[in-house]
N, C-alpha and C. Protein backbone atom coordinates (compact mmCIF):
# COMPACT_ATOMS: atom_id res chain seq x y z
N UNK A 1 102.50 106.90 66.51
CA UNK A 1 103.68 106.12 66.82
C UNK A 1 103.87 105.04 65.75
N UNK A 2 104.67 105.34 64.74
CA UNK A 2 104.85 104.44 63.62
C UNK A 2 105.52 103.13 64.05
N UNK A 3 106.48 103.23 64.96
CA UNK A 3 107.17 102.03 65.40
C UNK A 3 106.21 101.03 66.06
N UNK A 4 105.26 101.56 66.83
CA UNK A 4 104.26 100.70 67.44
C UNK A 4 103.43 99.98 66.41
N UNK A 5 103.03 100.68 65.35
CA UNK A 5 102.25 100.06 64.29
C UNK A 5 103.04 98.97 63.58
N UNK A 6 104.31 99.25 63.33
CA UNK A 6 105.14 98.25 62.65
C UNK A 6 105.29 97.00 63.50
N UNK A 7 105.40 97.20 64.80
CA UNK A 7 105.53 96.06 65.69
C UNK A 7 104.28 95.20 65.65
N UNK A 8 103.10 95.87 65.64
CA UNK A 8 101.83 95.14 65.58
C UNK A 8 101.73 94.35 64.29
N UNK A 9 102.11 94.98 63.17
CA UNK A 9 102.06 94.28 61.88
C UNK A 9 103.01 93.10 61.87
N UNK A 10 104.18 93.25 62.46
CA UNK A 10 105.15 92.16 62.50
C UNK A 10 104.62 90.97 63.27
N UNK A 11 103.96 91.24 64.40
CA UNK A 11 103.38 90.15 65.19
C UNK A 11 102.28 89.45 64.42
N UNK A 12 101.43 90.23 63.73
CA UNK A 12 100.35 89.66 62.94
C UNK A 12 100.90 88.79 61.82
N UNK A 13 101.98 89.28 61.15
CA UNK A 13 102.56 88.49 60.06
C UNK A 13 103.10 87.17 60.57
N UNK A 14 103.74 87.19 61.73
CA UNK A 14 104.26 85.95 62.31
C UNK A 14 103.13 84.97 62.63
N UNK A 15 102.01 85.51 63.13
CA UNK A 15 100.88 84.66 63.47
C UNK A 15 100.29 84.01 62.23
N UNK A 16 100.18 84.79 61.14
CA UNK A 16 99.65 84.25 59.89
C UNK A 16 100.58 83.19 59.33
N UNK A 17 101.90 83.45 59.37
CA UNK A 17 102.87 82.49 58.87
C UNK A 17 102.80 81.18 59.66
N UNK A 18 102.67 81.29 60.98
CA UNK A 18 102.56 80.09 61.81
C UNK A 18 101.31 79.31 61.46
N UNK A 19 100.22 80.02 61.17
CA UNK A 19 98.97 79.36 60.81
C UNK A 19 99.10 78.63 59.49
N UNK A 20 99.77 79.26 58.51
CA UNK A 20 99.97 78.64 57.20
C UNK A 20 100.81 77.37 57.34
N UNK A 21 101.88 77.46 58.12
CA UNK A 21 102.74 76.29 58.32
C UNK A 21 102.00 75.17 59.01
N UNK A 22 101.00 75.50 59.80
CA UNK A 22 100.22 74.49 60.51
C UNK A 22 99.15 73.87 59.62
N UNK A 23 98.97 74.41 58.41
CA UNK A 23 98.04 73.79 57.47
C UNK A 23 96.84 74.61 57.13
N UNK A 24 96.82 75.89 57.40
CA UNK A 24 95.67 76.71 57.02
C UNK A 24 95.97 78.17 57.25
N UNK A 25 94.93 78.96 57.16
CA UNK A 25 95.05 80.40 57.35
C UNK A 25 94.33 80.84 58.61
N UNK A 26 94.17 79.92 59.55
CA UNK A 26 93.52 80.27 60.80
C UNK A 26 92.01 80.34 60.69
N UNK A 27 91.46 79.95 59.54
CA UNK A 27 90.02 80.01 59.35
C UNK A 27 89.44 78.62 59.46
N UNK A 28 88.55 78.34 60.42
CA UNK A 28 87.93 77.04 60.59
C UNK A 28 88.82 76.11 61.39
N UNK A 29 88.42 74.84 61.41
CA UNK A 29 89.13 73.83 62.19
C UNK A 29 90.18 73.13 61.35
N UNK A 30 91.13 72.51 62.01
CA UNK A 30 92.11 71.70 61.30
C UNK A 30 91.45 70.46 60.75
N UNK A 31 92.16 69.68 59.87
CA UNK A 31 91.58 68.48 59.28
C UNK A 31 91.15 67.49 60.34
N UNK A 32 92.00 67.28 61.34
CA UNK A 32 91.67 66.30 62.37
C UNK A 32 90.45 66.72 63.16
N UNK A 33 90.38 68.02 63.49
CA UNK A 33 89.25 68.50 64.27
C UNK A 33 87.97 68.46 63.46
N UNK A 34 88.07 68.69 62.14
CA UNK A 34 86.88 68.78 61.32
C UNK A 34 86.40 67.41 60.84
N UNK A 35 87.31 66.42 60.66
CA UNK A 35 86.95 65.21 59.95
C UNK A 35 86.94 63.94 60.79
N UNK A 36 87.50 63.96 61.97
CA UNK A 36 87.59 62.73 62.75
C UNK A 36 86.26 62.32 63.37
N UNK A 37 86.06 61.01 63.46
CA UNK A 37 84.95 60.43 64.20
C UNK A 37 85.39 60.25 65.66
N UNK A 38 84.44 60.16 66.54
CA UNK A 38 84.73 59.76 67.92
C UNK A 38 83.98 58.47 68.22
N UNK A 39 84.51 57.66 69.12
CA UNK A 39 83.86 56.40 69.47
C UNK A 39 83.97 56.15 70.97
N UNK A 40 83.08 55.29 71.44
CA UNK A 40 83.09 54.87 72.83
C UNK A 40 82.75 53.39 72.89
N UNK A 41 83.49 52.64 73.72
CA UNK A 41 83.24 51.23 73.93
C UNK A 41 82.69 51.04 75.34
N UNK A 42 81.58 50.35 75.46
CA UNK A 42 81.03 50.03 76.78
C UNK A 42 80.86 48.53 76.92
N UNK A 43 80.96 48.04 78.16
CA UNK A 43 80.81 46.61 78.40
C UNK A 43 79.36 46.26 78.67
N UNK A 44 79.11 45.01 79.04
CA UNK A 44 77.74 44.55 79.23
C UNK A 44 77.02 45.25 80.39
N UNK A 45 77.80 45.90 81.27
CA UNK A 45 77.21 46.65 82.38
C UNK A 45 77.13 48.14 82.08
N UNK A 46 77.31 48.51 80.79
CA UNK A 46 77.26 49.90 80.31
C UNK A 46 78.40 50.75 80.88
N UNK A 47 79.47 50.12 81.31
CA UNK A 47 80.64 50.84 81.80
C UNK A 47 81.57 51.15 80.63
N UNK A 48 82.00 52.40 80.54
CA UNK A 48 82.92 52.79 79.47
C UNK A 48 84.29 52.17 79.71
N UNK A 49 84.76 51.43 78.69
CA UNK A 49 86.07 50.79 78.81
C UNK A 49 87.11 51.46 77.92
N UNK A 50 86.65 52.20 76.90
CA UNK A 50 87.61 52.91 76.05
C UNK A 50 86.88 53.99 75.25
N UNK A 51 87.56 55.11 75.04
CA UNK A 51 87.08 56.19 74.19
C UNK A 51 88.22 56.67 73.31
N UNK A 52 87.88 57.21 72.15
CA UNK A 52 88.94 57.70 71.28
C UNK A 52 88.40 58.33 70.02
N UNK A 53 89.31 58.60 69.08
CA UNK A 53 88.96 59.17 67.79
C UNK A 53 89.38 58.21 66.68
N UNK A 54 88.71 58.32 65.57
CA UNK A 54 88.99 57.49 64.39
C UNK A 54 89.03 58.41 63.19
N UNK A 55 90.14 58.35 62.43
CA UNK A 55 90.29 59.26 61.30
C UNK A 55 89.64 58.75 60.03
N UNK A 56 89.10 57.53 60.04
CA UNK A 56 88.37 57.00 58.90
C UNK A 56 89.23 56.53 57.76
N UNK A 57 90.55 56.47 57.94
CA UNK A 57 91.43 56.09 56.83
C UNK A 57 91.57 54.58 56.69
N UNK A 58 91.20 53.83 57.71
CA UNK A 58 91.17 52.36 57.63
C UNK A 58 89.96 51.88 58.42
N UNK A 59 89.61 50.61 58.27
CA UNK A 59 88.40 50.09 58.93
C UNK A 59 88.51 50.19 60.45
N UNK A 60 87.39 50.52 61.07
CA UNK A 60 87.30 50.54 62.53
C UNK A 60 86.73 49.20 62.97
N UNK A 61 87.52 48.41 63.73
CA UNK A 61 87.11 47.07 64.14
C UNK A 61 87.13 46.97 65.66
N UNK A 62 86.10 46.35 66.21
CA UNK A 62 86.06 46.20 67.65
C UNK A 62 87.14 45.24 68.15
N UNK A 63 87.73 44.42 67.26
CA UNK A 63 88.81 43.52 67.65
C UNK A 63 89.89 44.28 68.42
N UNK A 64 90.21 45.47 67.94
CA UNK A 64 91.31 46.25 68.49
C UNK A 64 90.86 47.10 69.68
N UNK A 65 89.56 47.09 69.97
CA UNK A 65 89.03 48.00 70.97
C UNK A 65 88.47 47.30 72.19
N UNK A 66 87.93 46.12 72.03
CA UNK A 66 87.34 45.42 73.16
C UNK A 66 86.69 44.13 72.70
N UNK A 67 86.60 43.15 73.59
CA UNK A 67 86.04 41.86 73.23
C UNK A 67 85.08 41.40 74.31
N UNK A 68 84.25 40.42 73.96
CA UNK A 68 83.31 39.86 74.92
C UNK A 68 81.87 40.11 74.52
N UNK A 69 80.99 39.20 74.89
CA UNK A 69 79.56 39.36 74.62
C UNK A 69 79.03 40.56 75.39
N UNK A 70 78.19 41.34 74.73
CA UNK A 70 77.62 42.51 75.38
C UNK A 70 78.41 43.78 75.18
N UNK A 71 79.50 43.71 74.42
CA UNK A 71 80.30 44.90 74.13
C UNK A 71 79.57 45.77 73.10
N UNK A 72 79.55 47.08 73.35
CA UNK A 72 78.89 48.03 72.45
C UNK A 72 79.89 49.06 71.94
N UNK A 73 79.87 49.29 70.64
CA UNK A 73 80.68 50.32 70.00
C UNK A 73 79.74 51.41 69.51
N UNK A 74 79.90 52.63 70.03
CA UNK A 74 79.08 53.76 69.60
C UNK A 74 79.96 54.78 68.89
N UNK A 75 79.49 55.29 67.74
CA UNK A 75 80.30 56.16 66.89
C UNK A 75 79.53 57.43 66.55
N UNK A 76 80.25 58.58 66.64
CA UNK A 76 79.72 59.87 66.21
C UNK A 76 80.68 60.46 65.18
N UNK A 77 80.12 61.17 64.17
CA UNK A 77 81.00 61.77 63.17
C UNK A 77 80.35 62.94 62.46
N UNK A 78 79.81 63.87 63.21
CA UNK A 78 79.13 65.02 62.60
C UNK A 78 80.09 65.75 61.66
N UNK A 79 79.75 65.76 60.36
CA UNK A 79 80.60 66.41 59.37
C UNK A 79 81.76 65.56 58.88
N UNK A 80 81.91 64.34 59.40
CA UNK A 80 83.02 63.47 59.02
C UNK A 80 82.59 62.51 57.92
N UNK A 81 83.52 62.20 57.02
CA UNK A 81 83.26 61.28 55.91
C UNK A 81 84.40 60.28 55.78
N UNK A 82 84.05 59.01 55.55
CA UNK A 82 85.07 57.97 55.38
C UNK A 82 84.60 56.98 54.32
N UNK A 83 85.56 56.48 53.54
CA UNK A 83 85.28 55.39 52.59
C UNK A 83 85.54 54.03 53.20
N UNK A 84 85.85 53.98 54.48
CA UNK A 84 86.12 52.73 55.18
C UNK A 84 84.88 52.22 55.90
N UNK A 85 85.05 51.11 56.63
CA UNK A 85 83.92 50.41 57.23
C UNK A 85 84.03 50.36 58.75
N UNK A 86 82.90 50.04 59.39
CA UNK A 86 82.87 49.83 60.83
C UNK A 86 82.39 48.40 61.07
N UNK A 87 83.19 47.61 61.79
CA UNK A 87 82.84 46.24 62.10
C UNK A 87 82.77 46.07 63.62
N UNK A 88 81.65 45.47 64.10
CA UNK A 88 81.57 45.19 65.52
C UNK A 88 82.66 44.22 65.93
N UNK A 89 82.91 43.20 65.13
CA UNK A 89 84.02 42.27 65.36
C UNK A 89 84.27 41.53 64.04
N UNK A 90 85.52 41.27 63.73
CA UNK A 90 85.87 40.63 62.47
C UNK A 90 86.90 39.54 62.77
N UNK A 91 86.50 38.26 62.60
CA UNK A 91 87.41 37.17 62.94
C UNK A 91 86.97 35.89 62.23
N UNK A 92 87.71 34.81 62.44
CA UNK A 92 87.38 33.51 61.85
C UNK A 92 86.59 32.64 62.81
N UNK A 93 86.30 33.14 63.99
CA UNK A 93 85.58 32.36 65.00
C UNK A 93 84.12 32.81 65.05
N UNK A 94 83.36 32.15 65.90
CA UNK A 94 81.96 32.54 66.09
C UNK A 94 81.88 33.92 66.74
N UNK A 95 81.03 34.77 66.18
CA UNK A 95 80.89 36.15 66.66
C UNK A 95 79.47 36.32 67.19
N UNK A 96 79.33 36.54 68.48
CA UNK A 96 78.00 36.68 69.08
C UNK A 96 77.93 37.93 69.98
N UNK A 97 76.75 38.54 70.01
CA UNK A 97 76.44 39.54 71.02
C UNK A 97 77.17 40.86 70.92
N UNK A 98 77.45 41.33 69.70
CA UNK A 98 78.08 42.64 69.52
C UNK A 98 77.01 43.67 69.13
N UNK A 99 77.23 44.92 69.55
CA UNK A 99 76.30 45.99 69.21
C UNK A 99 77.06 47.18 68.66
N UNK A 100 76.55 47.75 67.57
CA UNK A 100 77.08 49.00 67.02
C UNK A 100 75.96 50.03 67.02
N UNK A 101 76.27 51.23 67.49
CA UNK A 101 75.35 52.37 67.43
C UNK A 101 76.03 53.46 66.61
N UNK A 102 75.45 53.80 65.48
CA UNK A 102 76.02 54.81 64.58
C UNK A 102 75.11 56.03 64.59
N UNK A 103 75.67 57.18 64.98
CA UNK A 103 74.85 58.37 65.20
C UNK A 103 74.96 59.43 64.11
N UNK A 104 76.12 59.59 63.51
CA UNK A 104 76.30 60.66 62.53
C UNK A 104 77.57 60.42 61.73
N UNK A 105 77.69 61.16 60.62
CA UNK A 105 78.82 61.00 59.72
C UNK A 105 78.45 60.13 58.53
N UNK A 106 79.45 59.86 57.68
CA UNK A 106 79.24 59.02 56.50
C UNK A 106 80.34 57.98 56.41
N UNK A 107 79.96 56.70 56.24
CA UNK A 107 80.92 55.61 56.07
C UNK A 107 80.46 54.71 54.93
N UNK A 108 81.30 53.74 54.58
CA UNK A 108 80.97 52.83 53.48
C UNK A 108 80.03 51.72 53.93
N UNK A 109 80.44 50.92 54.94
CA UNK A 109 79.61 49.81 55.41
C UNK A 109 79.68 49.71 56.93
N UNK A 110 78.63 49.13 57.52
CA UNK A 110 78.61 48.83 58.95
C UNK A 110 78.09 47.41 59.12
N UNK A 111 78.86 46.57 59.83
CA UNK A 111 78.45 45.19 60.07
C UNK A 111 78.65 44.87 61.55
N UNK A 112 77.59 44.40 62.19
CA UNK A 112 77.66 44.16 63.62
C UNK A 112 78.65 43.09 64.01
N UNK A 113 78.57 41.92 63.39
CA UNK A 113 79.51 40.84 63.64
C UNK A 113 79.90 40.22 62.32
N UNK A 114 81.19 40.06 62.05
CA UNK A 114 81.67 39.51 60.78
C UNK A 114 82.57 38.31 61.07
N UNK A 115 82.19 37.13 60.56
CA UNK A 115 82.99 35.93 60.73
C UNK A 115 83.36 35.36 59.38
N UNK A 116 84.59 34.88 59.27
CA UNK A 116 85.01 34.25 58.02
C UNK A 116 84.41 32.86 57.84
N UNK A 117 84.44 32.03 58.90
CA UNK A 117 83.97 30.66 58.78
C UNK A 117 83.02 30.23 59.90
N UNK A 118 82.96 30.97 61.00
CA UNK A 118 82.09 30.61 62.10
C UNK A 118 80.71 31.22 61.99
N UNK A 119 79.93 31.11 63.05
CA UNK A 119 78.60 31.71 63.10
C UNK A 119 78.69 33.19 63.47
N UNK A 120 77.65 33.93 63.13
CA UNK A 120 77.54 35.33 63.54
C UNK A 120 76.10 35.57 63.96
N UNK A 121 75.85 35.54 65.27
CA UNK A 121 74.48 35.57 65.79
C UNK A 121 74.33 36.55 66.95
N UNK A 122 73.09 36.98 67.16
CA UNK A 122 72.73 37.83 68.30
C UNK A 122 73.47 39.17 68.29
N UNK A 123 73.75 39.69 67.12
CA UNK A 123 74.38 40.99 66.99
C UNK A 123 73.34 42.06 66.66
N UNK A 124 73.63 43.31 67.01
CA UNK A 124 72.68 44.41 66.83
C UNK A 124 73.38 45.59 66.20
N UNK A 125 72.73 46.22 65.23
CA UNK A 125 73.20 47.50 64.67
C UNK A 125 72.05 48.50 64.73
N UNK A 126 72.31 49.64 65.35
CA UNK A 126 71.34 50.74 65.41
C UNK A 126 71.88 51.92 64.62
N UNK A 127 71.13 52.35 63.62
CA UNK A 127 71.50 53.53 62.84
C UNK A 127 70.60 54.68 63.28
N UNK A 128 71.19 55.66 63.96
CA UNK A 128 70.42 56.79 64.48
C UNK A 128 70.55 58.05 63.64
N UNK A 129 71.37 58.01 62.61
CA UNK A 129 71.57 59.16 61.74
C UNK A 129 72.75 58.92 60.84
N UNK A 130 73.12 59.92 60.07
CA UNK A 130 74.26 59.81 59.18
C UNK A 130 73.93 59.08 57.90
N UNK A 131 74.96 58.62 57.22
CA UNK A 131 74.79 57.96 55.92
C UNK A 131 75.74 56.77 55.80
N UNK A 132 75.20 55.66 55.26
CA UNK A 132 75.99 54.48 54.95
C UNK A 132 75.80 54.22 53.46
N UNK A 133 76.87 54.39 52.69
CA UNK A 133 76.75 54.32 51.23
C UNK A 133 76.62 52.88 50.72
N UNK A 134 77.00 51.89 51.54
CA UNK A 134 76.90 50.49 51.15
C UNK A 134 75.97 49.73 52.06
N UNK A 135 76.44 48.58 52.58
CA UNK A 135 75.60 47.68 53.36
C UNK A 135 75.62 48.01 54.86
N UNK A 136 74.49 47.75 55.49
CA UNK A 136 74.41 47.61 56.93
C UNK A 136 73.94 46.19 57.19
N UNK A 137 74.72 45.41 57.95
CA UNK A 137 74.42 44.00 58.20
C UNK A 137 74.50 43.74 59.70
N UNK A 138 73.48 43.10 60.25
CA UNK A 138 73.52 42.76 61.67
C UNK A 138 74.55 41.68 61.95
N UNK A 139 74.40 40.51 61.31
CA UNK A 139 75.35 39.41 61.44
C UNK A 139 75.76 38.92 60.07
N UNK A 140 77.06 38.76 59.83
CA UNK A 140 77.56 38.46 58.49
C UNK A 140 78.60 37.34 58.54
N UNK A 141 78.42 36.32 57.70
CA UNK A 141 79.44 35.28 57.49
C UNK A 141 79.96 35.45 56.07
N UNK A 142 81.26 35.49 55.93
CA UNK A 142 81.85 35.76 54.62
C UNK A 142 82.12 34.49 53.83
N UNK A 143 82.53 33.39 54.53
CA UNK A 143 82.91 32.15 53.84
C UNK A 143 82.40 30.95 54.64
N UNK A 144 82.24 29.83 53.95
CA UNK A 144 81.89 28.60 54.63
C UNK A 144 80.42 28.49 54.96
N UNK A 145 80.11 27.59 55.91
CA UNK A 145 78.73 27.25 56.23
C UNK A 145 78.25 27.86 57.55
N UNK A 146 78.89 28.91 58.00
CA UNK A 146 78.48 29.55 59.24
C UNK A 146 77.06 30.10 59.17
N UNK A 147 76.38 30.09 60.30
CA UNK A 147 74.99 30.54 60.36
C UNK A 147 74.89 31.98 60.88
N UNK A 148 73.87 32.67 60.43
CA UNK A 148 73.58 34.02 60.92
C UNK A 148 72.16 34.02 61.46
N UNK A 149 72.02 33.95 62.77
CA UNK A 149 70.71 33.84 63.40
C UNK A 149 70.51 34.91 64.47
N UNK A 150 69.28 35.38 64.60
CA UNK A 150 68.88 36.28 65.69
C UNK A 150 69.64 37.60 65.69
N UNK A 151 69.96 38.10 64.54
CA UNK A 151 70.58 39.42 64.43
C UNK A 151 69.52 40.49 64.19
N UNK A 152 69.82 41.71 64.59
CA UNK A 152 68.84 42.80 64.51
C UNK A 152 69.49 44.05 63.93
N UNK A 153 68.79 44.71 63.01
CA UNK A 153 69.18 46.03 62.52
C UNK A 153 68.00 46.97 62.70
N UNK A 154 68.24 48.10 63.36
CA UNK A 154 67.23 49.14 63.55
C UNK A 154 67.65 50.40 62.82
N UNK A 155 66.82 50.86 61.90
CA UNK A 155 67.08 52.12 61.20
C UNK A 155 66.15 53.17 61.80
N UNK A 156 66.70 54.01 62.66
CA UNK A 156 65.90 55.03 63.33
C UNK A 156 65.91 56.36 62.59
N UNK A 157 67.02 56.68 61.96
CA UNK A 157 67.18 57.87 61.11
C UNK A 157 68.36 57.60 60.20
N UNK A 158 68.56 58.49 59.22
CA UNK A 158 69.72 58.38 58.36
C UNK A 158 69.41 57.77 57.01
N UNK A 159 70.45 57.66 56.18
CA UNK A 159 70.33 57.13 54.83
C UNK A 159 71.23 55.91 54.67
N UNK A 160 70.65 54.82 54.19
CA UNK A 160 71.38 53.55 54.03
C UNK A 160 71.04 52.95 52.67
N UNK A 161 72.04 52.42 51.98
CA UNK A 161 71.80 51.84 50.66
C UNK A 161 71.14 50.46 50.77
N UNK A 162 71.76 49.51 51.50
CA UNK A 162 71.23 48.15 51.62
C UNK A 162 71.27 47.71 53.07
N UNK A 163 70.23 46.96 53.48
CA UNK A 163 70.16 46.47 54.86
C UNK A 163 69.92 44.97 54.86
N UNK A 164 70.70 44.24 55.66
CA UNK A 164 70.53 42.81 55.87
C UNK A 164 70.50 42.55 57.37
N UNK A 165 69.49 41.85 57.84
CA UNK A 165 69.51 41.43 59.23
C UNK A 165 70.60 40.40 59.46
N UNK A 166 70.58 39.33 58.65
CA UNK A 166 71.62 38.30 58.67
C UNK A 166 71.96 37.88 57.25
N UNK A 167 73.24 37.63 56.99
CA UNK A 167 73.68 37.30 55.63
C UNK A 167 74.77 36.24 55.70
N UNK A 168 74.49 35.05 55.11
CA UNK A 168 75.46 33.95 55.08
C UNK A 168 75.54 33.40 53.66
N UNK A 169 76.74 33.03 53.19
CA UNK A 169 76.85 32.50 51.84
C UNK A 169 76.31 31.09 51.69
N UNK A 170 76.38 30.27 52.77
CA UNK A 170 75.97 28.88 52.66
C UNK A 170 75.18 28.36 53.86
N UNK A 171 75.33 29.00 55.00
CA UNK A 171 74.65 28.54 56.21
C UNK A 171 73.22 29.03 56.30
N UNK A 172 72.58 28.77 57.44
CA UNK A 172 71.21 29.24 57.65
C UNK A 172 71.20 30.72 58.01
N UNK A 173 70.06 31.34 57.76
CA UNK A 173 69.82 32.73 58.18
C UNK A 173 68.42 32.76 58.77
N UNK A 174 68.33 32.52 60.08
CA UNK A 174 67.03 32.36 60.74
C UNK A 174 66.78 33.43 61.80
N UNK A 175 65.54 33.85 61.89
CA UNK A 175 65.06 34.71 62.97
C UNK A 175 65.84 36.02 63.08
N UNK A 176 66.24 36.56 61.97
CA UNK A 176 66.84 37.89 61.92
C UNK A 176 65.74 38.92 61.67
N UNK A 177 66.01 40.16 62.05
CA UNK A 177 64.97 41.17 61.85
C UNK A 177 65.57 42.53 61.47
N UNK A 178 64.81 43.26 60.69
CA UNK A 178 65.13 44.64 60.33
C UNK A 178 63.92 45.49 60.65
N UNK A 179 64.14 46.57 61.39
CA UNK A 179 63.07 47.50 61.72
C UNK A 179 63.44 48.88 61.19
N UNK A 180 62.53 49.46 60.41
CA UNK A 180 62.75 50.79 59.85
C UNK A 180 61.71 51.73 60.44
N UNK A 181 62.17 52.66 61.24
CA UNK A 181 61.27 53.61 61.91
C UNK A 181 61.26 54.95 61.19
N UNK A 182 62.43 55.34 60.66
CA UNK A 182 62.54 56.59 59.92
C UNK A 182 63.77 56.49 59.03
N UNK A 183 64.00 57.50 58.23
CA UNK A 183 65.17 57.51 57.37
C UNK A 183 64.86 57.03 55.97
N UNK A 184 65.92 56.86 55.18
CA UNK A 184 65.80 56.46 53.78
C UNK A 184 66.66 55.23 53.52
N UNK A 185 66.06 54.19 52.95
CA UNK A 185 66.74 52.91 52.72
C UNK A 185 66.52 52.48 51.27
N UNK A 186 67.55 51.85 50.70
CA UNK A 186 67.40 51.29 49.36
C UNK A 186 66.68 49.97 49.41
N UNK A 187 67.41 48.86 49.49
CA UNK A 187 66.80 47.52 49.56
C UNK A 187 66.95 46.94 50.96
N UNK A 188 66.04 46.00 51.30
CA UNK A 188 66.01 45.43 52.64
C UNK A 188 65.83 43.92 52.55
N UNK A 189 66.62 43.18 53.35
CA UNK A 189 66.47 41.74 53.48
C UNK A 189 66.57 41.37 54.95
N UNK A 190 65.57 40.72 55.46
CA UNK A 190 65.62 40.29 56.84
C UNK A 190 66.71 39.24 57.04
N UNK A 191 66.74 38.22 56.19
CA UNK A 191 67.77 37.18 56.23
C UNK A 191 68.08 36.71 54.83
N UNK A 192 69.35 36.43 54.56
CA UNK A 192 69.76 36.01 53.21
C UNK A 192 70.81 34.91 53.31
N UNK A 193 70.65 33.87 52.46
CA UNK A 193 71.63 32.80 52.35
C UNK A 193 71.73 32.37 50.90
N UNK A 194 72.86 31.74 50.55
CA UNK A 194 73.00 31.19 49.21
C UNK A 194 72.17 29.94 49.09
N UNK A 195 72.74 28.76 49.38
CA UNK A 195 71.96 27.52 49.31
C UNK A 195 71.30 27.15 50.64
N UNK A 196 71.55 27.90 51.69
CA UNK A 196 71.05 27.54 53.01
C UNK A 196 69.59 27.87 53.21
N UNK A 197 69.00 27.29 54.25
CA UNK A 197 67.61 27.56 54.58
C UNK A 197 67.46 28.90 55.29
N UNK A 198 66.34 29.54 55.05
CA UNK A 198 66.06 30.86 55.60
C UNK A 198 64.64 30.83 56.17
N UNK A 199 64.51 31.10 57.47
CA UNK A 199 63.18 31.05 58.06
C UNK A 199 63.07 32.02 59.23
N UNK A 200 61.85 32.46 59.50
CA UNK A 200 61.56 33.28 60.66
C UNK A 200 62.13 34.68 60.63
N UNK A 201 62.53 35.17 59.47
CA UNK A 201 63.09 36.52 59.36
C UNK A 201 61.97 37.54 59.16
N UNK A 202 62.21 38.75 59.64
CA UNK A 202 61.16 39.77 59.63
C UNK A 202 61.70 41.12 59.16
N UNK A 203 60.86 41.83 58.45
CA UNK A 203 61.11 43.23 58.11
C UNK A 203 59.89 44.03 58.55
N UNK A 204 60.09 44.97 59.46
CA UNK A 204 59.01 45.81 59.96
C UNK A 204 59.28 47.26 59.57
N UNK A 205 58.31 47.88 58.91
CA UNK A 205 58.46 49.25 58.45
C UNK A 205 57.32 50.08 59.03
N UNK A 206 57.66 51.03 59.88
CA UNK A 206 56.63 51.90 60.47
C UNK A 206 56.79 53.35 60.04
N UNK A 207 57.86 53.66 59.32
CA UNK A 207 58.10 55.02 58.85
C UNK A 207 59.28 55.04 57.91
N UNK A 208 59.64 56.22 57.45
CA UNK A 208 60.74 56.34 56.51
C UNK A 208 60.35 55.91 55.11
N UNK A 209 61.33 55.77 54.24
CA UNK A 209 61.09 55.36 52.85
C UNK A 209 62.03 54.23 52.46
N UNK A 210 61.51 53.29 51.65
CA UNK A 210 62.30 52.21 51.08
C UNK A 210 62.10 52.26 49.58
N UNK A 211 63.19 52.51 48.84
CA UNK A 211 63.07 52.71 47.40
C UNK A 211 63.27 51.43 46.59
N UNK A 212 63.84 50.40 47.20
CA UNK A 212 64.14 49.17 46.47
C UNK A 212 63.32 47.98 46.93
N UNK A 213 63.83 46.79 46.69
CA UNK A 213 63.13 45.55 47.02
C UNK A 213 63.14 45.29 48.52
N UNK A 214 62.10 44.60 48.99
CA UNK A 214 61.96 44.22 50.39
C UNK A 214 61.73 42.71 50.45
N UNK A 215 62.64 42.00 51.13
CA UNK A 215 62.51 40.56 51.30
C UNK A 215 62.57 40.22 52.79
N UNK A 216 61.59 39.48 53.27
CA UNK A 216 61.71 38.97 54.62
C UNK A 216 62.84 37.97 54.71
N UNK A 217 62.90 37.04 53.74
CA UNK A 217 63.98 36.07 53.64
C UNK A 217 64.27 35.78 52.19
N UNK A 218 65.54 35.51 51.89
CA UNK A 218 65.96 35.25 50.51
C UNK A 218 67.01 34.14 50.50
N UNK A 219 66.81 33.14 49.64
CA UNK A 219 67.78 32.07 49.47
C UNK A 219 67.80 31.63 48.02
N UNK A 220 69.02 31.35 47.52
CA UNK A 220 69.13 30.93 46.13
C UNK A 220 68.57 29.54 45.89
N UNK A 221 68.79 28.61 46.86
CA UNK A 221 68.37 27.23 46.68
C UNK A 221 67.66 26.64 47.89
N UNK A 222 67.84 27.23 49.06
CA UNK A 222 67.26 26.66 50.26
C UNK A 222 65.80 27.02 50.47
N UNK A 223 65.22 26.49 51.53
CA UNK A 223 63.84 26.79 51.88
C UNK A 223 63.72 28.19 52.49
N UNK A 224 62.61 28.84 52.18
CA UNK A 224 62.36 30.18 52.72
C UNK A 224 60.99 30.14 53.40
């Protein structure tokens, strides 16, 4: 039955054309399915308050997702790659008590709490896998005399270029810690400040590899 065969071929051609117009030849997943990260926000009681996807084309900030001490942002990105960053919170005020858990994928930087002029303390970043091509920072102050105290970074698996427990340009960086259990890390600093004092910072290494310098605390002019 030639007519039947022609009908089958016609249907197949239409299906292929529809696939091409949709962005492929029907082989594999679409860009969004293949490249997007997923995230989940939980509150201090571990209750999920928001879930979604992130395409990695701009920075992922907890500002737009949830606020409050005890908020946790968890991210998965198996097979996903982004040149953007993940921030637990980014603002000009004091940033305390944020947690980021990064499980898979590749991003540029991850910072638990980022403040322009205020303090950034008691933040946590857990790296459970994936790759971070730049910095991982528990608590970060970008400008002014804000302090970065009691921040924690745990490297459980994955590859990271640089790790800072706490990093401030002028304020104190006290009692921050970095723990490396597994994975591959470039350089490590428990706490870092420009002219500010740095004390009580710790770097604990029980596994994995560190290819660069290791500093418990580092300051250009302050006490260490």
